[in-house]
């Protein structure tokens, strides 16, 4: 594989830290792409749109979700392949397999989305596994795979059962949960995103669902770096969040929080893939013995730590 150094004009990697007294210090790392950076992978990816049509989605939520789905279908590249899966107690794929994006497949998808009606319960587990099966059946080398998953409920299957099965069956599939309304299990959807290198989106107001879905796909449509991993040398670091780094997209950034037990000099490297080629970005770092600036970093790290603990607790059906 080709290995090359990212140039500063392409990406910005920054680290700031905070430490007072003898307690462990905290740091925040931010990786941002250059504004306007264009990355064309020339391959395309496979996307399954999974949408909740259970009874609670009636009225404005269904209307708004249709608008969002139609927007995403219109944004797909002609190098992509896609499928639409509606679900209540059961799952209802549109094509039964991944279809190439073209005028005919878009027309069929639009007609099917327009005809969706609410009914039944909320089988989240079955819908996600059906989406994984569809992606697995047409898996192709070097093509990215993603599930965009919209729900306004919780489902009946314990969340830890779902996350455990997806870890086993879909380690390379990106999952982007979209929680609509106030009845969703946010901790579960957030964990689902983090464990599958996705991004979770939540909308409380029903009339904002369509616009938020459109914005979500605009954000994730162009991956810049995927399969990111953090590597440190000469630094005593621990408790890094998120544990599995998300991909970097053109109009977003990756933020990592962590702790360091000893001051000192060393380096932090972010490794990832661009068009199936390995890339690496190194940064020399010095963590000071005393760094009173940026006290908010410790609070942000603590917040992520609490979110992680609560997410695991709620995913197991326990009360915090």
Protein backbone atom coordinates (compact mmCIF):
# COMPACT_ATOMS: atom_id res chain seq x y z
CA UNK A 1 0.00 0.00 0.00
CA UNK A 2 1.09 3.57 -0.62
CA UNK A 3 1.93 5.57 2.47
CA UNK A 4 2.31 9.33 2.36
CA UNK A 5 2.26 12.30 4.67
CA UNK A 6 -0.78 14.55 4.67
CA UNK A 7 0.08 18.13 3.92
CA UNK A 8 -0.86 20.98 6.25
CA UNK A 9 -2.76 22.64 3.42
CA UNK A 10 -5.07 19.61 3.27
CA UNK A 11 -5.79 19.09 6.97
CA UNK A 12 -5.21 20.78 10.30
CA UNK A 13 -4.34 18.71 13.39
CA UNK A 14 -4.30 20.63 16.67
CA UNK A 15 -3.85 19.60 20.30
CA UNK A 16 -4.48 21.70 23.41
CA UNK A 17 -4.21 20.60 27.04
CA UNK A 18 -5.00 21.53 30.63
CA UNK A 19 -3.36 20.47 33.91
CA UNK A 20 -3.45 21.94 37.40
CA UNK A 21 -1.69 20.47 40.45
CA UNK A 22 -0.71 16.81 40.59
CA UNK A 23 -3.90 15.41 39.05
CA UNK A 24 -3.88 13.91 35.58
CA UNK A 25 -4.11 16.44 32.78
CA UNK A 26 -6.65 16.51 29.96
CA UNK A 27 -6.18 17.12 26.25
CA UNK A 28 -8.31 17.73 23.18
CA UNK A 29 -7.27 16.84 19.65
CA UNK A 30 -9.06 18.26 16.62
CA UNK A 31 -8.61 17.14 13.03
CA UNK A 32 -10.21 19.38 10.41
CA UNK A 33 -10.10 19.25 6.61
CA UNK A 34 -9.26 22.35 4.65
CA UNK A 35 -12.44 24.31 3.82
CA UNK A 36 -13.60 23.52 0.31
CA UNK A 37 -11.43 20.40 0.05
CA UNK A 38 -12.67 18.18 -2.78
CA UNK A 39 -12.19 14.41 -2.56
CA UNK A 40 -13.53 12.21 -5.35
CA UNK A 41 -13.04 8.51 -4.61
CA UNK A 42 -14.08 7.48 -8.12
CA UNK A 43 -15.74 4.37 -6.70
CA UNK A 44 -18.94 5.29 -4.93
CA UNK A 45 -20.47 3.53 -1.95
CA UNK A 46 -23.43 1.42 -0.94
CA UNK A 47 -26.18 3.04 1.15
CA UNK A 48 -29.26 1.51 2.75
CA UNK A 49 -31.92 3.95 3.93
CA UNK A 50 -33.91 2.42 6.80
CA UNK A 51 -37.05 4.28 7.86
CA UNK A 52 -39.56 3.70 10.65
CA UNK A 53 -43.22 3.49 9.57
CA UNK A 54 -44.65 2.30 12.91
CA UNK A 55 -47.91 3.79 14.17
CA UNK A 56 -46.25 6.55 16.16
CA UNK A 57 -44.81 8.03 12.95
CA UNK A 58 -48.25 9.12 11.74
CA UNK A 59 -48.91 12.69 10.60
CA UNK A 60 -46.08 15.22 10.42
CA UNK A 61 -43.25 12.79 11.32
CA UNK A 62 -44.02 10.57 8.33
CA UNK A 63 -44.44 13.55 6.00
CA UNK A 64 -41.13 15.03 7.16
CA UNK A 65 -39.28 11.72 6.97
CA UNK A 66 -40.47 11.24 3.39
CA UNK A 67 -39.12 14.67 2.53
CA UNK A 68 -35.77 13.78 4.07
CA UNK A 69 -35.55 10.43 2.30
CA UNK A 70 -36.41 12.00 -1.06
CA UNK A 71 -33.68 14.58 -0.50
CA UNK A 72 -31.09 11.89 0.21
CA UNK A 73 -32.11 9.88 -2.88
CA UNK A 74 -31.63 13.01 -5.00
CA UNK A 75 -28.15 13.57 -3.53
CA UNK A 76 -26.81 10.08 -4.22
CA UNK A 77 -24.02 9.84 -6.78
CA UNK A 78 -24.50 7.75 -9.91
CA UNK A 79 -21.50 5.72 -8.76
CA UNK A 80 -23.45 4.70 -5.64
CA UNK A 81 -25.78 1.78 -5.08
CA UNK A 82 -28.73 1.98 -2.71
CA UNK A 83 -31.77 0.36 -1.15
CA UNK A 84 -34.72 1.67 0.88
CA UNK A 85 -36.08 -0.43 3.75
CA UNK A 86 -39.27 0.59 5.56
CA UNK A 87 -40.06 -1.18 8.80
CA UNK A 88 -42.67 -1.67 11.49
CA UNK A 89 -43.01 -5.15 13.00
CA UNK A 90 -41.48 -6.40 9.76
CA UNK A 91 -39.02 -5.05 7.19
CA UNK A 92 -40.00 -4.11 3.63
CA UNK A 93 -37.09 -3.65 1.17
CA UNK A 94 -37.93 -1.75 -2.00
CA UNK A 95 -35.72 -3.57 -4.49
CA UNK A 96 -34.68 -6.66 -2.52
CA UNK A 97 -31.04 -5.89 -3.38
CA UNK A 98 -28.74 -2.94 -3.92
CA UNK A 99 -29.56 -1.03 -7.09
CA UNK A 100 -27.32 1.28 -9.07
CA UNK A 101 -28.31 4.92 -8.83
CA UNK A 102 -29.86 6.03 -12.09
CA UNK A 103 -32.98 7.75 -13.35
CA UNK A 104 -35.11 4.60 -13.23
CA UNK A 105 -34.08 3.52 -9.73
CA UNK A 106 -34.58 7.03 -8.40
CA UNK A 107 -38.05 7.12 -9.94
CA UNK A 108 -39.00 3.82 -8.28
CA UNK A 109 -37.60 4.94 -4.94
CA UNK A 110 -39.50 8.22 -5.04
CA UNK A 111 -42.75 6.46 -5.86
CA UNK A 112 -42.26 3.96 -3.04
CA UNK A 113 -41.32 6.64 -0.51
CA UNK A 114 -44.35 8.74 -1.47
CA UNK A 115 -46.63 5.74 -0.90
CA UNK A 116 -45.38 4.89 2.61
CA UNK A 117 -48.08 4.61 5.27
CA UNK A 118 -47.79 4.02 9.01
CA UNK A 119 -48.71 0.69 10.59
CA UNK A 120 -47.59 -1.80 13.21
CA UNK A 121 -44.90 -1.73 15.88
CA UNK A 122 -41.17 -0.98 15.96
CA UNK A 123 -38.78 -3.85 15.20
CA UNK A 124 -35.46 -1.98 15.15
CA UNK A 125 -33.41 -5.15 15.46
CA UNK A 126 -34.99 -6.83 12.46
CA UNK A 127 -34.68 -3.73 10.27
CA UNK A 128 -30.98 -3.19 11.00
CA UNK A 129 -30.11 -6.85 10.45
CA UNK A 130 -32.04 -6.83 7.15
CA UNK A 131 -30.01 -3.79 6.06
CA UNK A 132 -26.76 -5.58 6.96
CA UNK A 133 -27.85 -8.65 4.99
CA UNK A 134 -28.56 -6.53 1.92
CA UNK A 135 -25.12 -4.93 2.11
CA UNK A 136 -23.37 -8.24 2.72
CA UNK A 137 -25.09 -9.85 -0.27
CA UNK A 138 -23.55 -7.35 -2.70
CA UNK A 139 -20.31 -6.49 -0.96
CA UNK A 140 -17.62 -5.20 -3.32
CA UNK A 141 -13.93 -4.45 -2.64
CA UNK A 142 -13.04 -0.86 -1.66
CA UNK A 143 -16.67 0.31 -1.65
CA UNK A 144 -17.80 2.00 1.54
CA UNK A 145 -21.03 0.78 3.14
CA UNK A 146 -23.46 2.86 5.18
CA UNK A 147 -26.84 2.56 6.87
CA UNK A 148 -28.90 5.69 7.52
CA UNK A 149 -31.43 4.68 10.12
CA UNK A 150 -34.48 6.78 11.11
CA UNK A 151 -36.71 5.94 14.08
CA UNK A 152 -38.90 7.71 16.61
CA UNK A 153 -39.13 4.79 19.06
CA UNK A 154 -37.19 2.31 21.11
CA UNK A 155 -38.11 -1.13 19.85
CA UNK A 156 -38.58 -4.32 21.85
CA UNK A 157 -35.17 -5.96 21.52
CA UNK A 158 -32.68 -5.04 24.30
CA UNK A 159 -30.20 -2.49 22.90
CA UNK A 160 -27.14 -4.45 24.06
CA UNK A 161 -28.34 -7.43 21.99
CA UNK A 162 -28.52 -5.23 18.89
CA UNK A 163 -25.13 -3.56 19.41
CA UNK A 164 -23.42 -6.90 20.14
CA UNK A 165 -24.81 -8.50 16.96
CA UNK A 166 -23.85 -5.51 14.83
CA UNK A 167 -20.31 -5.56 16.23
CA UNK A 168 -20.03 -9.15 15.07
CA UNK A 169 -21.82 -8.93 11.74
CA UNK A 170 -21.12 -5.39 10.54
CA UNK A 171 -17.70 -4.21 11.76
CA UNK A 172 -17.01 -2.22 8.57
CA UNK A 173 -20.49 -0.78 7.98
CA UNK A 174 -21.01 2.85 9.01
CA UNK A 175 -24.30 3.42 10.82
CA UNK A 176 -25.87 6.87 11.04
CA UNK A 177 -28.84 6.80 13.46
CA UNK A 178 -31.43 9.55 13.21
CA UNK A 179 -33.63 9.95 16.28
CA UNK A 180 -36.90 11.81 15.63
CA UNK A 181 -38.92 13.13 18.55
CA UNK A 182 -38.52 12.76 22.28
CA UNK A 183 -39.33 9.06 22.59
CA UNK A 184 -36.05 7.63 21.29
CA UNK A 185 -33.36 5.94 23.34
CA UNK A 186 -30.66 8.53 22.77
CA UNK A 187 -27.99 6.64 24.66
CA UNK A 188 -28.54 3.57 22.48
CA UNK A 189 -28.51 5.50 19.20
CA UNK A 190 -25.39 7.43 20.25
CA UNK A 191 -23.63 4.20 21.15
CA UNK A 192 -24.78 2.63 17.87
CA UNK A 193 -23.15 5.51 15.99
CA UNK A 194 -19.90 5.52 17.96
CA UNK A 195 -19.36 1.77 17.75
CA UNK A 196 -19.94 1.83 13.98
CA UNK A 197 -17.96 4.98 13.12
CA UNK A 198 -21.12 6.94 12.37
CA UNK A 199 -22.77 10.14 13.55
CA UNK A 200 -25.99 10.28 15.56
CA UNK A 201 -28.51 13.05 14.87
CA UNK A 202 -31.46 13.98 17.08
CA UNK A 203 -34.41 16.23 16.26
CA UNK A 204 -37.11 17.01 18.81
CA UNK A 205 -39.32 19.11 16.56
CA UNK A 206 -41.32 17.13 14.02
CA UNK A 207 -41.27 19.87 11.40
CA UNK A 208 -37.44 19.85 11.34
CA UNK A 209 -36.94 16.18 10.42
CA UNK A 210 -36.74 16.63 6.64
CA UNK A 211 -34.25 19.48 6.75
CA UNK A 212 -32.10 17.72 9.35
CA UNK A 213 -31.95 14.56 7.22
CA UNK A 214 -30.91 16.57 4.19
CA UNK A 215 -28.19 18.30 6.22
CA UNK A 216 -26.98 14.98 7.62
CA UNK A 217 -26.42 13.50 4.19
CA UNK A 218 -24.72 16.64 2.93
CA UNK A 219 -22.35 16.29 5.88
CA UNK A 220 -21.48 12.62 5.34
CA UNK A 221 -21.66 12.43 1.54
CA UNK A 222 -17.94 13.04 1.06
CA UNK A 223 -15.58 11.05 3.34
CA UNK A 224 -12.09 12.51 3.48
CA UNK A 225 -10.36 9.96 5.74
CA UNK A 226 -11.79 6.65 6.96
CA UNK A 227 -10.73 3.95 9.46
CA UNK A 228 -9.00 6.50 11.66
CA UNK A 229 -6.72 5.29 14.45
CA UNK A 230 -4.84 7.25 17.09
CA UNK A 231 -1.22 6.41 17.88
CA UNK A 232 0.95 8.06 20.53
CA UNK A 233 4.69 7.83 21.22
CA UNK A 234 6.49 8.97 24.34
CA UNK A 235 3.29 10.17 26.03
CA UNK A 236 1.51 8.67 29.03
CA UNK A 237 -2.09 8.93 27.84
CA UNK A 238 -5.25 7.04 28.78
CA UNK A 239 -9.08 7.24 28.85
CA UNK A 240 -9.44 8.37 25.25
CA UNK A 241 -12.92 9.12 23.87
CA UNK A 242 -14.43 8.18 21.56
CA UNK A 243 -12.90 4.73 21.80
CA UNK A 244 -13.50 4.10 18.09
CA UNK A 245 -12.82 7.18 15.99
CA UNK A 246 -15.39 8.31 13.42
CA UNK A 247 -14.49 9.02 9.83
CA UNK A 248 -13.52 12.53 8.77
CA UNK A 249 -15.90 14.22 6.33
CA UNK A 250 -15.42 17.26 4.16
CA UNK A 251 -17.60 19.63 6.19
CA UNK A 252 -16.92 18.32 9.71
CA UNK A 253 -14.09 17.56 12.11
CA UNK A 254 -12.98 14.75 14.39
CA UNK A 255 -12.58 15.67 18.07
CA UNK A 256 -10.83 13.36 20.54
CA UNK A 257 -10.54 13.81 24.31
CA UNK A 258 -8.10 12.07 26.61
CA UNK A 259 -6.05 12.22 29.80
CA UNK A 260 -2.30 12.20 30.44
CA UNK A 261 -0.69 11.05 33.68
CA UNK A 262 2.76 12.58 33.24
CA UNK A 263 4.07 15.71 31.53
CA UNK A 264 6.53 15.24 28.71
CA UNK A 265 7.28 15.43 25.00
CA UNK A 266 6.23 12.97 22.35
CA UNK A 267 4.10 12.67 19.24
CA UNK A 268 0.52 11.95 18.27
CA UNK A 269 -0.29 10.39 14.92
CA UNK A 270 -3.60 9.90 13.20
CA UNK A 271 -3.67 7.10 10.66
CA UNK A 272 -6.42 6.47 8.18
CA UNK A 273 -7.28 5.56 4.61
CA UNK A 274 -8.01 7.67 1.56
CA UNK A 275 -9.19 5.77 -1.53
CA UNK A 276 -7.93 2.55 0.11
CA UNK A 277 -4.43 4.02 0.54
CA UNK A 278 -2.90 4.43 3.98
CA UNK A 279 -2.24 7.98 5.13
CA UNK A 280 -0.63 9.28 8.28
CA UNK A 281 -0.40 12.66 9.95
CA UNK A 282 2.13 13.20 12.76
CA UNK A 283 2.26 16.05 15.26
CA UNK A 284 4.90 16.74 17.92
CA UNK A 285 3.30 17.40 21.30
CA UNK A 286 4.49 18.64 24.69
CA UNK A 287 2.23 18.13 27.69
CA UNK A 288 3.25 20.62 30.38
CA UNK A 289 3.48 19.99 34.11
CA UNK A 290 1.34 23.08 34.68
CA UNK A 291 -1.10 24.30 32.04
CA UNK A 292 -3.88 26.39 33.63
CA UNK A 293 -5.30 27.53 30.28
CA UNK A 294 -8.24 25.77 28.64
CA UNK A 295 -9.98 24.51 31.83
CA UNK A 296 -13.06 23.59 29.79
CA UNK A 297 -11.19 20.61 28.31
CA UNK A 298 -11.37 18.71 31.60
CA UNK A 299 -15.12 19.32 31.79
CA UNK A 300 -15.63 18.17 28.21
CA UNK A 301 -13.59 15.02 28.84
CA UNK A 302 -15.62 14.31 31.99
CA UNK A 303 -18.86 14.81 30.06
CA UNK A 304 -17.80 12.27 27.42
CA UNK A 305 -16.80 9.82 30.14
CA UNK A 306 -20.19 10.15 31.82
CA UNK A 307 -21.98 9.78 28.48
CA UNK A 308 -20.05 6.58 27.82
CA UNK A 309 -20.88 5.08 31.20
CA UNK A 310 -24.55 6.05 30.98
CA UNK A 311 -24.78 4.77 27.42
CA UNK A 312 -23.48 1.36 28.41
CA UNK A 313 -25.80 1.30 31.42
CA UNK A 314 -28.91 2.26 29.46
CA UNK A 315 -28.00 -0.06 26.58
CA UNK A 316 -28.18 -2.90 29.09
CA UNK A 317 -31.61 -1.77 30.22
CA UNK A 318 -30.37 -0.45 33.57
CA UNK A 319 -31.35 2.83 35.16
CA UNK A 320 -28.53 5.32 35.82
